[in-house]
């Protein structure tokens, strides 16, 4: 896709900027939002920085977590909430200092319901709420990791509709590529996952998309490039060069429609997503069909760069996931939200990489967003925000 880039003038090749490590093992899940990693590794964006990116497809987020902590993976395409759960010691593993190097994307996840629910007329939020509260049998919804983004979007969305995600329904963990098989087998009634698996379920007539994650929070944070803090401390020049390479790849993808199309084709190969191009390309272009006869151009579709806004590791983005851990009882007490985010988000490293590429940095590491229930999140009082919701876990509130 690139034009065979020559050695980049900003490559870190000598002296104090010499790379500590040239070959990196990078884990990723087969999802459309791994695109910038695949493009960086295969289309000439890593080599000018003296990097070889050894992409390793994984079968579960739990596997990525384990391999990051063991050192088998140097860095990984990661769930935002998973990284913060490891940092806070609530992931099932020992608390470990982690690092978010950059955001990889915004938007682009969905909540799908099954074909049997569609056949039963449960095709709206009001019908779903009625079904949940009037049936003696709980519906089962899948997400991809207990503290991951999909769990948090699913919980937030259900709660906004008056459905308690921990009491009114069952929640189970299913790896992204296995969602459709579980849906077809009737083991789950719906799921929240990243593309292309939501579009693929629609294409296979296995249900419909009831909500997108961007309808919950327009331009929400999603996947991140993450590693242990130890890796950054031992390999600061390598980490900076990696961020630069992936920033360039992210920017490239969004430079033209043609670049998005070629990226979709690349992703569809058996080596990466191993999914039909027809299930990847439309939503990568923002062209949504929900399986109910509705089609629209989504103004907050999957974004890999968004003039740097998709990549900047906002402190408030990391803090939001901690508020949801507190809301749902995953944390029994309020941590120092800001201090935790300042430890994890690698603002200085990202700033150096972005500035070298003339990518604009925001004036503040906090941002304000209004979610679908009208609540505004700006990071100013996270403890109060976590306590403010009508629906939350049965804990010490």
Protein backbone atom coordinates (compact mmCIF):
# COMPACT_ATOMS: atom_id res chain seq x y z
CA UNK A 1 0.00 0.00 0.00
CA UNK A 2 2.85 2.40 0.71
CA UNK A 3 5.30 3.41 -1.95
CA UNK A 4 8.28 1.53 -0.59
CA UNK A 5 9.33 4.15 1.93
CA UNK A 6 13.02 5.04 2.15
CA UNK A 7 14.74 5.43 5.49
CA UNK A 8 12.69 7.92 7.45
CA UNK A 9 14.68 11.03 8.45
CA UNK A 10 13.34 10.69 11.98
CA UNK A 11 14.35 7.06 12.37
CA UNK A 12 16.13 6.38 15.64
CA UNK A 13 19.35 4.78 14.45
CA UNK A 14 22.28 5.99 16.49
CA UNK A 15 23.54 7.30 19.78
CA UNK A 16 21.10 7.79 22.64
CA UNK A 17 18.19 7.22 20.24
CA UNK A 18 19.34 3.77 19.18
CA UNK A 19 16.66 1.11 19.42
CA UNK A 20 17.01 -1.23 22.36
CA UNK A 21 15.13 -3.93 20.47
CA UNK A 22 14.51 -4.27 16.74
CA UNK A 23 12.18 -7.27 16.49
CA UNK A 24 8.92 -7.07 18.42
CA UNK A 25 6.32 -9.76 19.04
CA UNK A 26 2.94 -8.06 18.79
CA UNK A 27 -0.27 -9.80 19.73
CA UNK A 28 -3.59 -8.99 18.13
CA UNK A 29 -7.11 -10.31 17.98
CA UNK A 30 -8.78 -10.87 14.58
CA UNK A 31 -10.86 -7.69 14.58
CA UNK A 32 -11.13 -4.81 12.14
CA UNK A 33 -9.64 -2.46 14.71
CA UNK A 34 -6.26 -4.20 14.55
CA UNK A 35 -5.86 -2.61 11.11
CA UNK A 36 -3.16 -0.07 11.93
CA UNK A 37 -0.93 -2.82 13.34
CA UNK A 38 -1.33 -4.96 10.24
CA UNK A 39 -0.72 -1.99 7.93
CA UNK A 40 2.32 -0.86 9.92
CA UNK A 41 3.84 -4.34 9.90
CA UNK A 42 3.22 -5.22 6.26
CA UNK A 43 3.08 -2.00 4.24
CA UNK A 44 6.44 -0.36 4.88
CA UNK A 45 5.74 1.79 7.93
CA UNK A 46 7.83 -0.08 10.52
CA UNK A 47 11.00 -0.74 8.54
CA UNK A 48 12.11 2.90 8.27
CA UNK A 49 12.30 2.98 12.05
CA UNK A 50 14.47 -0.11 12.13
CA UNK A 51 11.61 -2.25 13.40
CA UNK A 52 10.37 -5.67 12.42
CA UNK A 53 6.88 -6.33 13.76
CA UNK A 54 6.16 -10.01 14.26
CA UNK A 55 2.36 -10.11 14.34
CA UNK A 56 0.90 -12.99 16.30
CA UNK A 57 -2.82 -13.69 16.05
CA UNK A 58 -4.36 -14.70 19.36
CA UNK A 59 -7.47 -16.69 20.19
CA UNK A 60 -8.65 -14.79 23.29
CA UNK A 61 -8.11 -11.61 25.25
CA UNK A 62 -7.19 -13.72 28.26
CA UNK A 63 -4.38 -15.19 26.18
CA UNK A 64 -3.12 -11.73 25.26
CA UNK A 65 -3.18 -10.72 28.91
CA UNK A 66 -1.22 -13.80 29.98
CA UNK A 67 1.39 -13.41 27.22
CA UNK A 68 1.94 -9.72 27.91
CA UNK A 69 2.62 -10.50 31.54
CA UNK A 70 4.90 -13.44 30.76
CA UNK A 71 6.89 -11.46 28.19
CA UNK A 72 5.98 -13.78 25.34
CA UNK A 73 4.42 -10.71 23.73
CA UNK A 74 6.24 -7.39 23.84
CA UNK A 75 3.18 -5.27 23.07
CA UNK A 76 -0.39 -5.96 22.02
CA UNK A 77 -3.63 -4.73 20.52
CA UNK A 78 -5.51 -4.58 23.81
CA UNK A 79 -8.81 -3.87 25.47
CA UNK A 80 -8.61 -0.58 27.35
CA UNK A 81 -10.38 -1.97 30.41
CA UNK A 82 -8.25 -5.12 30.44
CA UNK A 83 -5.07 -3.08 30.83
CA UNK A 84 -6.53 -1.06 33.69
CA UNK A 85 -7.81 -4.22 35.39
CA UNK A 86 -4.30 -5.67 35.33
CA UNK A 87 -2.92 -2.43 36.76
CA UNK A 88 -5.48 -2.51 39.57
CA UNK A 89 -5.11 -6.21 40.29
CA UNK A 90 -8.70 -7.17 39.43
CA UNK A 91 -8.05 -9.21 36.28
CA UNK A 92 -7.35 -12.51 37.98
CA UNK A 93 -3.60 -11.99 37.73
CA UNK A 94 -1.28 -10.27 40.16
CA UNK A 95 -1.35 -6.48 39.91
CA UNK A 96 1.28 -5.41 37.40
CA UNK A 97 2.28 -1.91 36.28
CA UNK A 98 1.03 -1.46 32.73
CA UNK A 99 1.43 1.13 29.98
CA UNK A 100 -0.97 2.46 27.35
CA UNK A 101 1.24 3.77 24.56
CA UNK A 102 -1.55 5.10 22.31
CA UNK A 103 -5.12 4.58 21.26
CA UNK A 104 -5.63 2.40 18.19
CA UNK A 105 -9.20 3.37 17.35
CA UNK A 106 -12.48 4.93 18.33
CA UNK A 107 -15.97 3.48 17.76
CA UNK A 108 -16.79 0.42 15.68
CA UNK A 109 -18.31 -2.13 18.09
CA UNK A 110 -21.94 -3.29 18.20
CA UNK A 111 -24.58 -5.08 20.23
CA UNK A 112 -26.37 -7.78 18.24
CA UNK A 113 -29.41 -9.88 19.13
CA UNK A 114 -30.24 -13.35 17.84
CA UNK A 115 -32.50 -14.44 15.00
CA UNK A 116 -34.97 -16.12 17.42
CA UNK A 117 -35.41 -12.80 19.24
CA UNK A 118 -35.90 -11.08 15.91
CA UNK A 119 -38.50 -13.67 14.92
CA UNK A 120 -40.24 -13.07 18.25
CA UNK A 121 -40.49 -9.35 17.53
CA UNK A 122 -37.81 -8.30 20.02
CA UNK A 123 -36.34 -5.75 17.65
CA UNK A 124 -36.31 -2.60 19.77
CA UNK A 125 -34.99 -1.56 23.16
CA UNK A 126 -38.51 -1.32 24.55
CA UNK A 127 -39.35 -4.83 23.34
CA UNK A 128 -36.12 -6.14 24.83
CA UNK A 129 -36.87 -4.53 28.19
CA UNK A 130 -40.36 -6.04 28.17
CA UNK A 131 -38.96 -9.46 27.28
CA UNK A 132 -36.37 -9.30 30.06
CA UNK A 133 -38.77 -8.19 32.77
CA UNK A 134 -41.76 -10.38 31.83
CA UNK A 135 -40.04 -13.66 31.05
CA UNK A 136 -39.13 -16.16 33.74
CA UNK A 137 -36.04 -17.17 31.79
CA UNK A 138 -33.00 -14.91 31.73
CA UNK A 139 -31.46 -14.00 28.41
CA UNK A 140 -27.74 -14.67 28.02
CA UNK A 141 -25.46 -12.04 26.55
CA UNK A 142 -21.82 -12.53 25.61
CA UNK A 143 -18.95 -10.09 25.89
CA UNK A 144 -15.27 -10.71 25.32
CA UNK A 145 -13.50 -10.15 28.67
CA UNK A 146 -14.92 -9.44 32.14
CA UNK A 147 -13.35 -5.97 32.42
CA UNK A 148 -13.03 -5.26 28.72
CA UNK A 149 -14.61 -2.57 26.62
CA UNK A 150 -17.35 -4.86 25.31
CA UNK A 151 -18.46 -5.78 28.81
CA UNK A 152 -18.55 -2.10 29.76
CA UNK A 153 -20.48 -1.04 26.64
CA UNK A 154 -22.95 -3.89 27.14
CA UNK A 155 -23.46 -3.12 30.83
CA UNK A 156 -23.77 0.62 30.23
CA UNK A 157 -26.24 0.18 27.40
CA UNK A 158 -28.41 -2.36 29.22
CA UNK A 159 -28.50 -0.16 32.33
CA UNK A 160 -29.47 2.88 30.25
CA UNK A 161 -32.51 0.88 29.09
CA UNK A 162 -33.50 -0.05 32.65
CA UNK A 163 -32.05 -3.57 32.45
CA UNK A 164 -29.63 -4.47 35.24
CA UNK A 165 -26.70 -6.25 33.56
CA UNK A 166 -25.73 -8.21 36.68
CA UNK A 167 -29.21 -9.18 37.85
CA UNK A 168 -31.67 -9.23 34.95
CA UNK A 169 -29.57 -11.14 32.40
CA UNK A 170 -26.73 -13.64 32.33
CA UNK A 171 -23.34 -12.48 31.07
CA UNK A 172 -20.73 -14.86 29.65
CA UNK A 173 -17.30 -14.47 28.05
CA UNK A 174 -16.82 -15.60 24.44
CA UNK A 175 -13.78 -14.78 22.23
CA UNK A 176 -14.72 -12.54 19.27
CA UNK A 177 -14.38 -15.05 16.40
CA UNK A 178 -16.56 -17.57 18.27
CA UNK A 179 -19.56 -15.27 18.75
CA UNK A 180 -21.41 -16.38 15.63
CA UNK A 181 -21.02 -20.08 16.43
CA UNK A 182 -22.42 -19.54 19.92
CA UNK A 183 -25.31 -17.52 18.49
CA UNK A 184 -26.11 -20.18 15.89
CA UNK A 185 -26.03 -22.91 18.55
CA UNK A 186 -28.48 -20.99 20.73
CA UNK A 187 -26.05 -20.75 23.63
CA UNK A 188 -26.38 -16.96 23.71
CA UNK A 189 -29.18 -14.52 22.86
CA UNK A 190 -26.97 -11.61 21.95
CA UNK A 191 -23.46 -10.22 22.16
CA UNK A 192 -21.30 -7.14 22.17
CA UNK A 193 -18.15 -7.44 20.09
CA UNK A 194 -16.01 -5.63 17.56
CA UNK A 195 -16.30 -5.83 13.80
CA UNK A 196 -16.43 -7.69 11.54
CA UNK A 197 -18.28 -10.24 13.66
CA UNK A 198 -21.41 -8.12 14.11
CA UNK A 199 -21.72 -7.46 10.39
CA UNK A 200 -20.92 -11.11 9.70
CA UNK A 201 -23.83 -12.23 11.90
CA UNK A 202 -26.16 -9.93 9.96
CA UNK A 203 -24.79 -11.20 6.64
CA UNK A 204 -25.34 -14.80 7.77
CA UNK A 205 -28.95 -14.03 8.83
CA UNK A 206 -28.05 -14.85 12.42
CA UNK A 207 -29.70 -11.83 13.97
CA UNK A 208 -29.40 -8.06 13.81
CA UNK A 209 -27.58 -5.05 15.20
CA UNK A 210 -29.65 -3.28 17.82
CA UNK A 211 -27.09 -0.68 18.93
CA UNK A 212 -23.61 0.48 17.99
CA UNK A 213 -21.03 1.43 20.59
CA UNK A 214 -20.77 4.89 19.02
CA UNK A 215 -24.47 5.38 19.75
CA UNK A 216 -23.57 4.83 23.41
CA UNK A 217 -20.59 7.20 23.37
CA UNK A 218 -19.73 8.98 20.10
CA UNK A 219 -15.98 8.72 19.46
CA UNK A 220 -15.43 6.55 22.51
CA UNK A 221 -12.02 5.06 23.31
CA UNK A 222 -11.64 1.46 22.22
CA UNK A 223 -8.51 -0.63 21.63
CA UNK A 224 -5.08 0.53 22.74
CA UNK A 225 -1.48 -0.36 22.07
CA UNK A 226 -0.30 -1.62 25.44
CA UNK A 227 2.57 -3.32 27.22
CA UNK A 228 3.98 -3.65 30.69
CA UNK A 229 5.57 -0.59 32.29
CA UNK A 230 8.78 -2.60 32.50
CA UNK A 231 8.91 -2.92 28.71
CA UNK A 232 8.66 0.87 28.26
CA UNK A 233 11.29 1.54 30.91
CA UNK A 234 13.72 -0.93 29.35
CA UNK A 235 12.95 0.01 25.72
CA UNK A 236 11.97 3.69 25.58
CA UNK A 237 13.39 4.38 22.12
CA UNK A 238 11.83 1.24 20.69
CA UNK A 239 8.46 2.14 22.21
CA UNK A 240 8.63 5.66 20.76
CA UNK A 241 9.61 4.37 17.31
CA UNK A 242 6.78 1.84 17.41
CA UNK A 243 4.23 4.53 18.24
CA UNK A 244 5.53 6.62 15.35
CA UNK A 245 5.24 3.75 12.89
CA UNK A 246 1.70 2.94 13.97
CA UNK A 247 0.70 6.61 13.94
CA UNK A 248 1.86 6.83 10.34
CA UNK A 249 -0.09 3.69 9.45
CA UNK A 250 -3.20 5.00 11.22
CA UNK A 251 -3.01 8.27 9.33
CA UNK A 252 -2.46 6.45 6.05
CA UNK A 253 -5.61 4.35 6.43
CA UNK A 254 -7.76 7.48 6.71
CA UNK A 255 -6.12 9.49 3.95
CA UNK A 256 -8.49 8.19 1.29
CA UNK A 257 -11.36 5.86 0.56
CA UNK A 258 -8.97 3.81 -1.53
CA UNK A 259 -6.71 3.28 1.45
CA UNK A 260 -9.62 2.05 3.55
CA UNK A 261 -10.64 -0.32 0.76
CA UNK A 262 -7.14 -1.74 0.40
CA UNK A 263 -6.93 -2.10 4.18
CA UNK A 264 -10.21 -4.02 4.25
CA UNK A 265 -8.90 -6.38 1.58
CA UNK A 266 -5.67 -6.90 3.51
CA UNK A 267 -7.55 -7.65 6.72
CA UNK A 268 -9.84 -10.20 5.07
CA UNK A 269 -6.98 -12.59 4.29
CA UNK A 270 -6.69 -15.89 6.13
CA UNK A 271 -3.51 -14.63 7.79
CA UNK A 272 -5.32 -11.84 9.66
CA UNK A 273 -9.11 -11.80 10.16
CA UNK A 274 -9.97 -14.74 7.90
CA UNK A 275 -13.40 -13.21 7.30
CA UNK A 276 -15.39 -12.32 4.18
CA UNK A 277 -14.50 -8.97 2.65
CA UNK A 278 -18.24 -8.27 2.41
CA UNK A 279 -18.43 -8.38 6.21
CA UNK A 280 -15.42 -6.10 6.71
CA UNK A 281 -15.54 -3.42 4.04
CA UNK A 282 -18.95 -1.72 4.50
CA UNK A 283 -18.67 -0.90 8.20
CA UNK A 284 -15.01 0.04 7.76
CA UNK A 285 -16.42 2.67 5.38
CA UNK A 286 -19.21 3.62 7.80
CA UNK A 287 -21.90 1.91 5.69
CA UNK A 288 -24.20 0.16 8.17
CA UNK A 289 -27.08 -2.25 7.59
CA UNK A 290 -28.66 -3.56 10.76
CA UNK A 291 -30.53 -6.63 9.52
CA UNK A 292 -33.90 -4.96 10.14
CA UNK A 293 -34.05 -3.15 6.81
CA UNK A 294 -32.30 -0.01 7.98
CA UNK A 295 -29.18 1.36 6.32
CA UNK A 296 -27.21 4.48 7.17
CA UNK A 297 -23.88 6.21 6.85
CA UNK A 298 -22.56 6.38 10.39
CA UNK A 299 -20.90 9.71 11.20
CA UNK A 300 -19.00 8.10 14.09
CA UNK A 301 -17.79 4.95 12.38
CA UNK A 302 -14.51 3.18 13.07
CA UNK A 303 -11.72 5.75 13.25
CA UNK A 304 -8.04 4.92 13.40
CA UNK A 305 -6.57 8.43 13.49
CA UNK A 306 -9.19 11.21 13.47
CA UNK A 307 -6.44 13.84 13.21
CA UNK A 308 -4.76 12.30 16.24
CA UNK A 309 -7.83 12.33 18.50
CA UNK A 310 -8.24 8.55 18.16
CA UNK A 311 -4.62 7.98 19.18
CA UNK A 312 -4.04 10.40 22.05
CA UNK A 313 -4.14 8.53 25.40
CA UNK A 314 -6.48 10.88 27.24
CA UNK A 315 -6.29 10.53 31.01
CA UNK A 316 -10.07 10.83 31.20
CA UNK A 317 -10.51 7.88 28.83
CA UNK A 318 -8.57 5.58 31.13
CA UNK A 319 -10.33 6.98 34.20
CA UNK A 320 -13.77 6.25 32.72
CA UNK A 321 -13.13 2.51 32.76
CA UNK A 322 -12.14 2.69 36.41
CA UNK A 323 -15.46 4.44 37.21
CA UNK A 324 -17.31 1.56 35.60
CA UNK A 325 -15.29 -1.00 37.58
CA UNK A 326 -16.37 0.88 40.71
CA UNK A 327 -19.97 1.13 39.52
CA UNK A 328 -20.30 -2.61 38.95
CA UNK A 329 -18.55 -3.69 42.14
CA UNK A 330 -15.30 -4.83 40.57
CA UNK A 331 -13.60 -2.31 42.85
CA UNK A 332 -14.77 -2.14 46.44
CA UNK A 333 -13.32 1.30 47.11
CA UNK A 334 -12.52 4.39 45.08
CA UNK A 335 -8.90 4.46 43.97
CA UNK A 336 -7.06 7.66 43.14
CA UNK A 337 -8.50 7.71 39.65
CA UNK A 338 -6.25 10.42 38.26
CA UNK A 339 -3.08 9.01 39.78
CA UNK A 340 -3.76 5.58 38.29
CA UNK A 341 -4.36 7.06 34.84
CA UNK A 342 -1.20 9.16 35.08
CA UNK A 343 0.76 6.00 35.82
CA UNK A 344 -0.68 4.05 32.89
CA UNK A 345 -1.08 6.59 30.09
CA UNK A 346 2.27 7.30 28.45
CA UNK A 347 1.62 10.95 27.67
CA UNK A 348 5.25 12.05 27.40
CA UNK A 349 6.22 9.23 25.08
CA UNK A 350 3.15 9.69 22.90
CA UNK A 351 3.68 13.45 22.79
CA UNK A 352 7.26 13.05 21.56
CA UNK A 353 6.21 10.62 18.84
CA UNK A 354 3.24 12.68 17.66
CA UNK A 355 5.16 15.97 17.68
CA UNK A 356 7.90 14.46 15.53
CA UNK A 357 5.21 13.62 12.96
CA UNK A 358 3.47 17.01 13.20
CA UNK A 359 0.35 15.40 14.66
CA UNK A 360 -1.55 17.89 16.77
CA UNK A 361 -1.75 17.33 20.51
CA UNK A 362 -4.81 18.44 22.48
CA UNK A 363 -4.46 21.31 24.91
CA UNK A 364 -5.51 19.11 27.83
CA UNK A 365 -5.28 15.39 28.60
CA UNK A 366 -8.95 15.43 29.65
CA UNK A 367 -11.97 15.56 27.35
CA UNK A 368 -15.70 15.96 27.86
CA UNK A 369 -18.27 13.60 26.36
CA UNK A 370 -22.03 13.16 26.64
CA UNK A 371 -23.18 9.53 26.60
CA UNK A 372 -26.54 8.24 25.41
CA UNK A 373 -28.24 8.58 28.80
CA UNK A 374 -27.36 12.26 28.96
CA UNK A 375 -24.62 11.84 31.55
CA UNK A 376 -21.54 13.96 30.90
CA UNK A 377 -18.13 12.49 31.58
CA UNK A 378 -15.19 14.87 31.85
CA UNK A 379 -13.01 13.27 34.51
CA UNK A 380 -13.49 16.12 36.99
CA UNK A 381 -15.11 14.09 39.80
CA UNK A 382 -14.80 10.40 38.98
CA UNK A 383 -15.92 9.10 42.39
CA UNK A 384 -19.15 11.08 42.23
CA UNK A 385 -19.68 10.02 38.62
CA UNK A 386 -19.34 6.35 39.55
CA UNK A 387 -21.93 6.78 42.32
CA UNK A 388 -24.35 8.83 40.21
CA UNK A 389 -26.06 6.05 38.28
CA UNK A 390 -29.48 4.72 39.20
CA UNK A 391 -28.39 1.19 38.35
CA UNK A 392 -25.20 -0.15 39.87
CA UNK A 393 -23.93 -3.22 41.68
CA UNK A 394 -25.02 -4.24 45.15
CA UNK A 395 -21.98 -2.98 47.03
CA UNK A 396 -21.03 -0.46 49.67
CA UNK A 397 -22.61 2.56 48.01
